[in-house]
Amino acid sequence: MQEKFIREIFYYQNYYLEFFEKLKPEVKRKFNWTLQLIATIDKVPEKYFKHMTGSSGIFEIRVEAGSDIYRVFSFFDKG
């Protein structure tokens, strides 16, 4: 069963893709899973997608792999 996307994810220039290319396969899988979660569910758990306190619209995508934590900053372009 294919999931319905409620958000589109765009990458600013090549920053994320260059970062992603250097990751270990297990971390890549976790990032892909997290981005799919963000794209397909209405209320994303704060563990994976959190508003940055003190900012006006910057969010953090967070992925944990073992004892490592990876963070990518993001924002909504509308809505």
Protein backbone atom coordinates (compact mmCIF):
# COMPACT_ATOMS: atom_id res chain seq x y z
CA MET A 1 0.00 0.00 0.00
CA GLN A 2 1.42 3.37 -1.04
CA GLU A 3 1.32 6.19 1.49
CA LYS A 4 -0.20 9.54 0.58
CA PHE A 5 2.17 12.48 0.78
CA ILE A 6 0.80 15.56 2.54
CA ARG A 7 4.07 17.52 2.29
CA GLU A 8 6.71 17.86 -0.39
CA ILE A 9 10.33 17.92 0.68
CA PHE A 10 12.74 20.12 -1.24
CA TYR A 11 16.48 20.32 -0.70
CA TYR A 12 18.19 23.71 -0.72
CA GLN A 13 20.93 23.56 -3.32
CA ASN A 14 23.05 20.43 -2.68
CA TYR A 15 23.79 20.88 1.03
CA TYR A 16 21.62 18.03 2.31
CA LEU A 17 22.44 15.68 -0.55
CA GLU A 18 26.20 16.17 -0.05
CA PHE A 19 25.76 15.54 3.70
CA PHE A 20 23.55 12.49 3.05
CA GLU A 21 26.03 10.95 0.59
CA LYS A 22 28.72 10.78 3.32
CA LEU A 23 26.53 8.92 5.84
CA LYS A 24 26.71 5.23 6.71
CA PRO A 25 23.98 3.05 5.11
CA GLU A 26 22.09 2.56 8.41
CA VAL A 27 21.98 6.33 9.01
CA LYS A 28 20.80 6.90 5.43
CA ARG A 29 17.94 4.43 6.01
CA LYS A 30 16.95 6.25 9.19
CA PHE A 31 17.00 9.64 7.46
CA ASN A 32 14.88 8.27 4.61
CA TRP A 33 12.40 6.79 7.09
CA THR A 34 12.23 10.06 9.03
CA LEU A 35 11.71 12.16 5.89
CA GLN A 36 8.95 9.78 4.79
CA LEU A 37 7.33 10.18 8.21
CA ILE A 38 7.46 13.98 7.89
CA ALA A 39 6.02 13.82 4.37
CA THR A 40 3.14 11.46 5.17
CA ILE A 41 1.74 12.09 8.66
CA ASP A 42 -0.01 15.19 9.95
CA LYS A 43 1.53 15.37 13.44
CA VAL A 44 5.14 14.29 13.45
CA PRO A 45 6.47 13.26 16.88
CA GLU A 46 8.78 15.86 18.40
CA LYS A 47 11.48 13.21 18.74
CA TYR A 48 11.98 13.39 14.95
CA PHE A 49 10.86 16.92 14.03
CA LYS A 50 11.03 19.75 16.56
CA HIS A 51 10.57 23.52 16.41
CA MET A 52 13.77 25.28 17.49
CA THR A 53 13.06 27.41 20.56
CA GLY A 54 13.75 31.09 20.01
CA SER A 55 13.43 30.83 16.23
CA SER A 56 10.64 31.92 13.95
CA GLY A 57 9.99 28.82 11.91
CA ILE A 58 13.21 26.79 12.02
CA PHE A 59 12.78 23.09 12.75
CA GLU A 60 15.25 20.33 13.52
CA ILE A 61 15.05 16.90 11.91
CA ARG A 62 16.74 14.53 14.33
CA VAL A 63 18.05 11.02 13.69
CA GLU A 64 19.74 8.80 16.27
CA ALA A 65 22.03 5.94 15.29
CA GLY A 66 23.71 4.20 18.19
CA SER A 67 25.30 6.90 20.33
CA ASP A 68 25.40 9.39 17.43
CA ILE A 69 22.77 12.07 16.84
CA TYR A 70 22.40 13.75 13.44
CA ARG A 71 20.52 17.01 12.99
CA VAL A 72 19.30 18.79 9.87
CA PHE A 73 17.68 22.19 10.03
CA SER A 74 14.52 22.78 8.03
CA PHE A 75 11.55 25.10 7.57
CA PHE A 76 8.17 25.31 5.85
CA ASP A 77 7.95 27.48 2.78
CA LYS A 78 4.19 28.03 3.22
CA GLY A 79 1.29 27.07 5.48
